[in-house]
Amino acid sequence: MTKQEVLAGIRKIGLVPVLRAESEDQAMALAEAIADGGVTCLEVTMTVPGAVKVIARLAKERPEILLGAGTVLDAETAKECVGEGATFIVSPAFDEKTVEYCGKHGIAALPGALTPTEVIRAWNAGADVVKIFPASAMGGAKYLKSLKAPLPNIEMIPTGGVSLATAHEFLDAGAFALGVGVDLVDMRAIKAGSAEKVTAHARKYLEIVRGFQAGCLI
């Protein structure tokens, strides 16, 4: 899959669940529950125990999932994740060497930034989409809209503060896609043996995104 196809896939799905878990098995269960709800895009963070192995397992067992590696802090980790099946790299901040590695190897780079200066720096270095993190700390959707006003050409994925209640606001503010954390990636539901709750939540998010996209096409 080319970088352009990966980016098109992320935009189409409209959601990038940020997977954090306490074990490899829990991560797999969360990933499967989310994918079963139709959200076939996922960011496996490096804070998950055995994260690279989780990426490898998902690449093999659930090939329909558009897999990304998250909380990637250096180019070496990015290379390892790509080698196991990650198709895009997400970071909480901007690391020039990581973005450079992605650019050289045709991998979609989604570094994190918060201020206008950081956003522009990441974009000029070769970011394909800039992750606005933590969006909630700066006012949520209103802040994203403020950033997009002078920077309409820069694609942004807000992460932090995205929920079913705020999803449409972030999309309306110009989000490329939504980075969704604990509101969807619910470890408590998995621990309780209620994976179906995560699947149902994923469907609700997808309904919001599809409804927004349909409205934009009218």
C-alpha atoms as a PDB file:
ATOM      1  CA  MET A   1       0.000   0.000   0.000  1.00  0.00           C
ATOM      2  CA  THR A   2       1.407   3.393  -1.009  1.00  0.00           C
ATOM      3  CA  LYS A   3       1.587   6.375   1.326  1.00  0.00           C
ATOM      4  CA  GLN A   4      -1.127   8.089  -0.689  1.00  0.00           C
ATOM      5  CA  GLU A   5      -3.405   5.071  -0.286  1.00  0.00           C
ATOM      6  CA  VAL A   6      -2.767   4.997   3.458  1.00  0.00           C
ATOM      7  CA  LEU A   7      -3.615   8.675   3.843  1.00  0.00           C
ATOM      8  CA  ALA A   8      -6.720   8.274   1.705  1.00  0.00           C
ATOM      9  CA  GLY A   9      -7.740   5.345   3.888  1.00  0.00           C
ATOM     10  CA  ILE A  10      -7.322   7.348   7.098  1.00  0.00           C
ATOM     11  CA  ARG A  11      -9.375  10.199   5.669  1.00  0.00           C
ATOM     12  CA  LYS A  12     -12.108   7.849   4.490  1.00  0.00           C
ATOM     13  CA  ILE A  13     -12.407   6.033   7.817  1.00  0.00           C
ATOM     14  CA  GLY A  14     -12.123   9.362   9.615  1.00  0.00           C
ATOM     15  CA  LEU A  15     -11.018   7.842  12.917  1.00  0.00           C
ATOM     16  CA  VAL A  16      -7.680   6.838  14.409  1.00  0.00           C
ATOM     17  CA  PRO A  17      -8.315   5.012  17.702  1.00  0.00           C
ATOM     18  CA  VAL A  18      -5.299   5.386  19.999  1.00  0.00           C
ATOM     19  CA  LEU A  19      -4.772   1.935  21.459  1.00  0.00           C
ATOM     20  CA  ARG A  20      -3.328   1.808  24.949  1.00  0.00           C
ATOM     21  CA  ALA A  21      -3.512  -1.406  26.954  1.00  0.00           C
ATOM     22  CA  GLU A  22      -1.922  -3.187  29.886  1.00  0.00           C
ATOM     23  CA  SER A  23      -1.029  -6.380  28.031  1.00  0.00           C
ATOM     24  CA  GLU A  24      -0.632  -7.865  24.585  1.00  0.00           C
ATOM     25  CA  ASP A  25      -3.834  -9.898  24.903  1.00  0.00           C
ATOM     26  CA  GLN A  26      -5.809  -6.885  26.068  1.00  0.00           C
ATOM     27  CA  ALA A  27      -4.488  -4.891  23.120  1.00  0.00           C
ATOM     28  CA  MET A  28      -5.543  -7.612  20.691  1.00  0.00           C
ATOM     29  CA  ALA A  29      -9.008  -7.794  22.218  1.00  0.00           C
ATOM     30  CA  LEU A  30      -9.438  -4.024  21.995  1.00  0.00           C
ATOM     31  CA  ALA A  31      -8.218  -3.931  18.389  1.00  0.00           C
ATOM     32  CA  GLU A  32     -10.569  -6.705  17.353  1.00  0.00           C
ATOM     33  CA  ALA A  33     -13.567  -5.145  19.119  1.00  0.00           C
ATOM     34  CA  ILE A  34     -12.942  -1.799  17.433  1.00  0.00           C
ATOM     35  CA  ALA A  35     -12.453  -3.370  13.991  1.00  0.00           C
ATOM     36  CA  ASP A  36     -15.609  -5.444  14.436  1.00  0.00           C
ATOM     37  CA  GLY A  37     -17.444  -2.141  14.781  1.00  0.00           C
ATOM     38  CA  GLY A  38     -16.240  -1.073  11.346  1.00  0.00           C
ATOM     39  CA  VAL A  39     -13.394   1.198  12.428  1.00  0.00           C
ATOM     40  CA  THR A  40     -10.594  -0.474  10.501  1.00  0.00           C
ATOM     41  CA  CYS A  41      -7.846   2.003  11.386  1.00  0.00           C
ATOM     42  CA  LEU A  42      -5.775   1.794  14.534  1.00  0.00           C
ATOM     43  CA  GLU A  43      -2.748   3.335  16.211  1.00  0.00           C
ATOM     44  CA  VAL A  44      -0.916   0.867  18.451  1.00  0.00           C
ATOM     45  CA  THR A  45       1.083   2.935  20.924  1.00  0.00           C
ATOM     46  CA  MET A  46       4.550   1.943  22.027  1.00  0.00           C
ATOM     47  CA  THR A  47       3.374   2.141  25.649  1.00  0.00           C
ATOM     48  CA  VAL A  48       1.561  -1.179  25.152  1.00  0.00           C
ATOM     49  CA  PRO A  49       3.645  -4.091  26.476  1.00  0.00           C
ATOM     50  CA  GLY A  50       4.907  -5.991  23.430  1.00  0.00           C
ATOM     51  CA  ALA A  51       3.588  -3.264  21.112  1.00  0.00           C
ATOM     52  CA  VAL A  52       5.685  -4.283  18.115  1.00  0.00           C
ATOM     53  CA  LYS A  53       4.521  -7.873  18.495  1.00  0.00           C
ATOM     54  CA  VAL A  54       0.912  -6.645  18.630  1.00  0.00           C
ATOM     55  CA  ILE A  55       1.456  -4.818  15.337  1.00  0.00           C
ATOM     56  CA  ALA A  56       2.911  -7.980  13.795  1.00  0.00           C
ATOM     57  CA  ARG A  57       0.001 -10.114  15.031  1.00  0.00           C
ATOM     58  CA  LEU A  58      -2.626  -7.678  13.793  1.00  0.00           C
ATOM     59  CA  ALA A  59      -0.931  -7.364  10.406  1.00  0.00           C
ATOM     60  CA  LYS A  60      -1.191 -11.130  10.045  1.00  0.00           C
ATOM     61  CA  GLU A  61      -4.525 -11.851  11.725  1.00  0.00           C
ATOM     62  CA  ARG A  62      -6.535  -8.746  10.811  1.00  0.00           C
ATOM     63  CA  PRO A  63      -5.141  -7.562   7.462  1.00  0.00           C
ATOM     64  CA  GLU A  64      -8.164  -5.321   6.884  1.00  0.00           C
ATOM     65  CA  ILE A  65      -6.966  -2.975   9.641  1.00  0.00           C
ATOM     66  CA  LEU A  66      -4.963   0.063   8.549  1.00  0.00           C
ATOM     67  CA  LEU A  67      -2.199  -0.198  11.137  1.00  0.00           C
ATOM     68  CA  GLY A  68      -0.216   2.637  12.586  1.00  0.00           C
ATOM     69  CA  ALA A  69       2.417   2.808  15.312  1.00  0.00           C
ATOM     70  CA  GLY A  70       1.932   5.494  17.953  1.00  0.00           C
ATOM     71  CA  THR A  71       4.054   7.205  20.598  1.00  0.00           C
ATOM     72  CA  VAL A  72       7.032   6.670  18.293  1.00  0.00           C
ATOM     73  CA  LEU A  73       9.869   8.834  19.582  1.00  0.00           C
ATOM     74  CA  ASP A  74      12.726   7.993  17.223  1.00  0.00           C
ATOM     75  CA  ALA A  75      13.529   6.725  13.744  1.00  0.00           C
ATOM     76  CA  GLU A  76      14.831   3.387  15.002  1.00  0.00           C
ATOM     77  CA  THR A  77      11.468   2.538  16.564  1.00  0.00           C
ATOM     78  CA  ALA A  78       9.680   3.699  13.423  1.00  0.00           C
ATOM     79  CA  LYS A  79      11.813   1.365  11.311  1.00  0.00           C
ATOM     80  CA  GLU A  80      11.098  -1.583  13.609  1.00  0.00           C
ATOM     81  CA  CYS A  81       7.338  -0.961  13.511  1.00  0.00           C
ATOM     82  CA  VAL A  82       7.257  -0.567   9.738  1.00  0.00           C
ATOM     83  CA  GLY A  83       9.146  -3.825   9.446  1.00  0.00           C
ATOM     84  CA  GLU A  84       6.325  -5.594  11.306  1.00  0.00           C
ATOM     85  CA  GLY A  85       3.487  -4.072   9.311  1.00  0.00           C
ATOM     86  CA  ALA A  86       2.834  -0.496  10.459  1.00  0.00           C
ATOM     87  CA  THR A  87       1.753   1.692   7.548  1.00  0.00           C
ATOM     88  CA  PHE A  88       1.869   5.065   9.305  1.00  0.00           C
ATOM     89  CA  ILE A  89       3.856   6.542  12.177  1.00  0.00           C
ATOM     90  CA  VAL A  90       2.394   8.783  14.876  1.00  0.00           C
ATOM     91  CA  SER A  91       4.308  10.744  17.496  1.00  0.00           C
ATOM     92  CA  PRO A  92       3.198  12.923  20.415  1.00  0.00           C
ATOM     93  CA  ALA A  93       5.766  15.517  19.349  1.00  0.00           C
ATOM     94  CA  PHE A  94       7.954  16.367  16.372  1.00  0.00           C
ATOM     95  CA  ASP A  95      11.168  14.434  15.855  1.00  0.00           C
ATOM     96  CA  GLU A  96      12.971  15.495  12.695  1.00  0.00           C
ATOM     97  CA  LYS A  97      14.809  12.208  12.126  1.00  0.00           C
ATOM     98  CA  THR A  98      11.616  10.186  12.413  1.00  0.00           C
ATOM     99  CA  VAL A  99       9.865  12.340   9.829  1.00  0.00           C
ATOM    100  CA  GLU A 100      12.950  12.164   7.626  1.00  0.00           C
ATOM    101  CA  TYR A 101      12.976   8.357   7.834  1.00  0.00           C
ATOM    102  CA  CYS A 102       9.296   8.191   6.884  1.00  0.00           C
ATOM    103  CA  GLY A 103       9.834  10.516   3.951  1.00  0.00           C
ATOM    104  CA  LYS A 104      12.718   8.470   2.574  1.00  0.00           C
ATOM    105  CA  HIS A 105      10.777   5.229   2.781  1.00  0.00           C
ATOM    106  CA  GLY A 106       7.344   6.363   1.637  1.00  0.00           C
ATOM    107  CA  ILE A 107       5.696   5.993   5.053  1.00  0.00           C
ATOM    108  CA  ALA A 108       2.970   8.369   6.211  1.00  0.00           C
ATOM    109  CA  ALA A 109       4.284  10.581   9.034  1.00  0.00           C
ATOM    110  CA  LEU A 110       1.923  12.069  11.619  1.00  0.00           C
ATOM    111  CA  PRO A 111       4.077  13.926  14.156  1.00  0.00           C
ATOM    112  CA  GLY A 112       2.549  15.785  17.065  1.00  0.00           C
ATOM    113  CA  ALA A 113       2.501  19.544  17.567  1.00  0.00           C
ATOM    114  CA  LEU A 114       0.465  22.078  19.490  1.00  0.00           C
ATOM    115  CA  THR A 115       1.399  25.690  18.774  1.00  0.00           C
ATOM    116  CA  PRO A 116       1.262  27.316  15.329  1.00  0.00           C
ATOM    117  CA  THR A 117       5.063  27.441  15.248  1.00  0.00           C
ATOM    118  CA  GLU A 118       5.321  23.728  16.016  1.00  0.00           C
ATOM    119  CA  VAL A 119       2.661  22.852  13.441  1.00  0.00           C
ATOM    120  CA  ILE A 120       4.406  24.798  10.683  1.00  0.00           C
ATOM    121  CA  ARG A 121       7.798  23.356  11.603  1.00  0.00           C
ATOM    122  CA  ALA A 122       6.504  19.795  11.435  1.00  0.00           C
ATOM    123  CA  TRP A 123       4.710  20.417   8.143  1.00  0.00           C
ATOM    124  CA  ASN A 124       7.733  22.062   6.522  1.00  0.00           C
ATOM    125  CA  ALA A 125       9.887  19.106   7.606  1.00  0.00           C
ATOM    126  CA  GLY A 126       7.689  16.718   5.642  1.00  0.00           C
ATOM    127  CA  ALA A 127       4.794  15.712   7.883  1.00  0.00           C
ATOM    128  CA  ASP A 128       1.842  14.336   5.924  1.00  0.00           C
ATOM    129  CA  VAL A 129      -0.629  15.177   8.684  1.00  0.00           C
ATOM    130  CA  VAL A 130       0.066  16.963  11.952  1.00  0.00           C
ATOM    131  CA  LYS A 131      -1.356  15.490  15.139  1.00  0.00           C
ATOM    132  CA  ILE A 132      -2.675  18.303  17.349  1.00  0.00           C
ATOM    133  CA  PHE A 133      -1.979  17.053  20.856  1.00  0.00           C
ATOM    134  CA  PRO A 134      -3.259  17.536  23.464  1.00  0.00           C
ATOM    135  CA  ALA A 135      -6.108  19.373  21.742  1.00  0.00           C
ATOM    136  CA  SER A 136      -8.277  19.465  24.858  1.00  0.00           C
ATOM    137  CA  ALA A 137      -5.688  21.478  26.785  1.00  0.00           C
ATOM    138  CA  MET A 138      -5.996  24.347  24.301  1.00  0.00           C
ATOM    139  CA  GLY A 139      -9.772  24.513  23.973  1.00  0.00           C
ATOM    140  CA  GLY A 140     -10.633  21.529  21.806  1.00  0.00           C
ATOM    141  CA  ALA A 141     -12.472  22.102  18.536  1.00  0.00           C
ATOM    142  CA  LYS A 142     -12.323  25.890  18.891  1.00  0.00           C
ATOM    143  CA  TYR A 143      -8.547  25.731  18.989  1.00  0.00           C
ATOM    144  CA  LEU A 144      -8.401  23.475  15.942  1.00  0.00           C
ATOM    145  CA  LYS A 145     -10.610  25.902  14.044  1.00  0.00           C
ATOM    146  CA  SER A 146      -8.317  28.755  15.068  1.00  0.00           C
ATOM    147  CA  LEU A 147      -5.285  26.858  13.750  1.00  0.00           C
ATOM    148  CA  LYS A 148      -6.966  25.920  10.483  1.00  0.00           C
ATOM    149  CA  ALA A 149      -7.995  29.503   9.739  1.00  0.00           C
ATOM    150  CA  PRO A 150      -4.454  30.707   8.846  1.00  0.00           C
ATOM    151  CA  LEU A 151      -3.190  27.211   7.948  1.00  0.00           C
ATOM    152  CA  PRO A 152      -5.922  25.683   5.754  1.00  0.00           C
ATOM    153  CA  ASN A 153      -3.402  23.723   3.671  1.00  0.00           C
ATOM    154  CA  ILE A 154      -2.030  21.798   6.653  1.00  0.00           C
ATOM    155  CA  GLU A 155      -3.887  18.588   7.440  1.00  0.00           C
ATOM    156  CA  MET A 156      -4.507  18.062  11.159  1.00  0.00           C
ATOM    157  CA  ILE A 157      -5.725  15.235  13.387  1.00  0.00           C
ATOM    158  CA  PRO A 158      -6.862  16.440  16.811  1.00  0.00           C
ATOM    159  CA  THR A 159      -6.216  14.048  19.679  1.00  0.00           C
ATOM    160  CA  GLY A 160      -7.271  14.643  23.255  1.00  0.00           C
ATOM    161  CA  GLY A 161     -10.810  15.626  24.135  1.00  0.00           C
ATOM    162  CA  VAL A 162     -12.457  13.800  21.239  1.00  0.00           C
ATOM    163  CA  SER A 163     -15.663  12.047  22.319  1.00  0.00           C
ATOM    164  CA  LEU A 164     -19.046  11.170  20.872  1.00  0.00           C
ATOM    165  CA  ALA A 165     -20.242  14.535  22.167  1.00  0.00           C
ATOM    166  CA  THR A 166     -17.450  16.545  20.523  1.00  0.00           C
ATOM    167  CA  ALA A 167     -16.672  14.493  17.398  1.00  0.00           C
ATOM    168  CA  HIS A 168     -18.885  16.514  15.046  1.00  0.00           C
ATOM    169  CA  GLU A 169     -17.431  19.786  16.372  1.00  0.00           C
ATOM    170  CA  PHE A 170     -13.896  18.646  15.597  1.00  0.00           C
ATOM    171  CA  LEU A 171     -14.895  17.484  12.123  1.00  0.00           C
ATOM    172  CA  ASP A 172     -16.667  20.767  11.458  1.00  0.00           C
ATOM    173  CA  ALA A 173     -13.519  22.600  12.586  1.00  0.00           C
ATOM    174  CA  GLY A 174     -11.576  20.981   9.747  1.00  0.00           C
ATOM    175  CA  ALA A 175     -10.106  17.785  11.170  1.00  0.00           C
ATOM    176  CA  PHE A 176      -8.534  15.425   8.630  1.00  0.00           C
ATOM    177  CA  ALA A 177      -9.609  12.594  10.952  1.00  0.00           C
ATOM    178  CA  LEU A 178     -10.168  12.159  14.679  1.00  0.00           C
ATOM    179  CA  GLY A 179      -7.668  10.709  17.115  1.00  0.00           C
ATOM    180  CA  VAL A 180      -9.845   8.945  19.680  1.00  0.00           C
ATOM    181  CA  GLY A 181      -8.574   7.732  23.026  1.00  0.00           C
ATOM    182  CA  VAL A 182     -10.260   6.268  26.085  1.00  0.00           C
ATOM    183  CA  ASP A 183     -13.757   7.266  25.011  1.00  0.00           C
ATOM    184  CA  LEU A 184     -13.541   4.460  22.444  1.00  0.00           C
ATOM    185  CA  VAL A 185     -10.537   2.396  23.522  1.00  0.00           C
ATOM    186  CA  ASP A 186     -12.183   1.235  26.733  1.00  0.00           C
ATOM    187  CA  MET A 187      -9.925  -1.100  28.718  1.00  0.00           C
ATOM    188  CA  ARG A 188     -12.489  -1.438  31.495  1.00  0.00           C
ATOM    189  CA  ALA A 189     -15.023  -2.938  29.113  1.00  0.00           C
ATOM    190  CA  ILE A 190     -12.487  -5.485  27.912  1.00  0.00           C
ATOM    191  CA  LYS A 191     -11.488  -6.374  31.469  1.00  0.00           C
ATOM    192  CA  ALA A 192     -15.157  -6.894  32.282  1.00  0.00           C
ATOM    193  CA  GLY A 193     -15.581  -9.217  29.313  1.00  0.00           C
ATOM    194  CA  SER A 194     -17.812  -6.706  27.518  1.00  0.00           C
ATOM    195  CA  ALA A 195     -16.048  -6.318  24.180  1.00  0.00           C
ATOM    196  CA  GLU A 196     -19.438  -5.757  22.558  1.00  0.00           C
ATOM    197  CA  LYS A 197     -19.613  -2.359  24.296  1.00  0.00           C
ATOM    198  CA  VAL A 198     -16.447  -1.256  22.516  1.00  0.00           C
ATOM    199  CA  THR A 199     -17.810  -2.549  19.207  1.00  0.00           C
ATOM    200  CA  ALA A 200     -21.081  -0.666  19.696  1.00  0.00           C
ATOM    201  CA  HIS A 201     -19.169   2.517  20.562  1.00  0.00           C
ATOM    202  CA  ALA A 202     -17.067   2.148  17.415  1.00  0.00           C
ATOM    203  CA  ARG A 203     -20.240   1.932  15.327  1.00  0.00           C
ATOM    204  CA  LYS A 204     -21.563   5.132  16.916  1.00  0.00           C
ATOM    205  CA  TYR A 205     -18.353   6.991  16.061  1.00  0.00           C
ATOM    206  CA  LEU A 206     -18.509   5.706  12.511  1.00  0.00           C
ATOM    207  CA  GLU A 207     -22.113   6.879  12.181  1.00  0.00           C
ATOM    208  CA  ILE A 208     -21.071  10.410  13.179  1.00  0.00           C
ATOM    209  CA  VAL A 209     -18.216  10.452  10.679  1.00  0.00           C
ATOM    210  CA  ARG A 210     -20.335   9.025   7.856  1.00  0.00           C
ATOM    211  CA  GLY A 211     -23.106  11.490   8.604  1.00  0.00           C
ATOM    212  CA  PHE A 212     -20.659  14.398   8.512  1.00  0.00           C
ATOM    213  CA  GLN A 213     -19.041  13.187   5.289  1.00  0.00           C
ATOM    214  CA  ALA A 214     -22.431  12.740   3.633  1.00  0.00           C
ATOM    215  CA  GLY A 215     -23.414  16.252   4.626  1.00  0.00           C
ATOM    216  CA  CYS A 216     -20.232  17.635   3.113  1.00  0.00           C
ATOM    217  CA  LEU A 217     -21.037  15.954  -0.200  1.00  0.00           C
ATOM    218  CA  ILE A 218     -24.470  17.556  -0.505  1.00  0.00           C
END
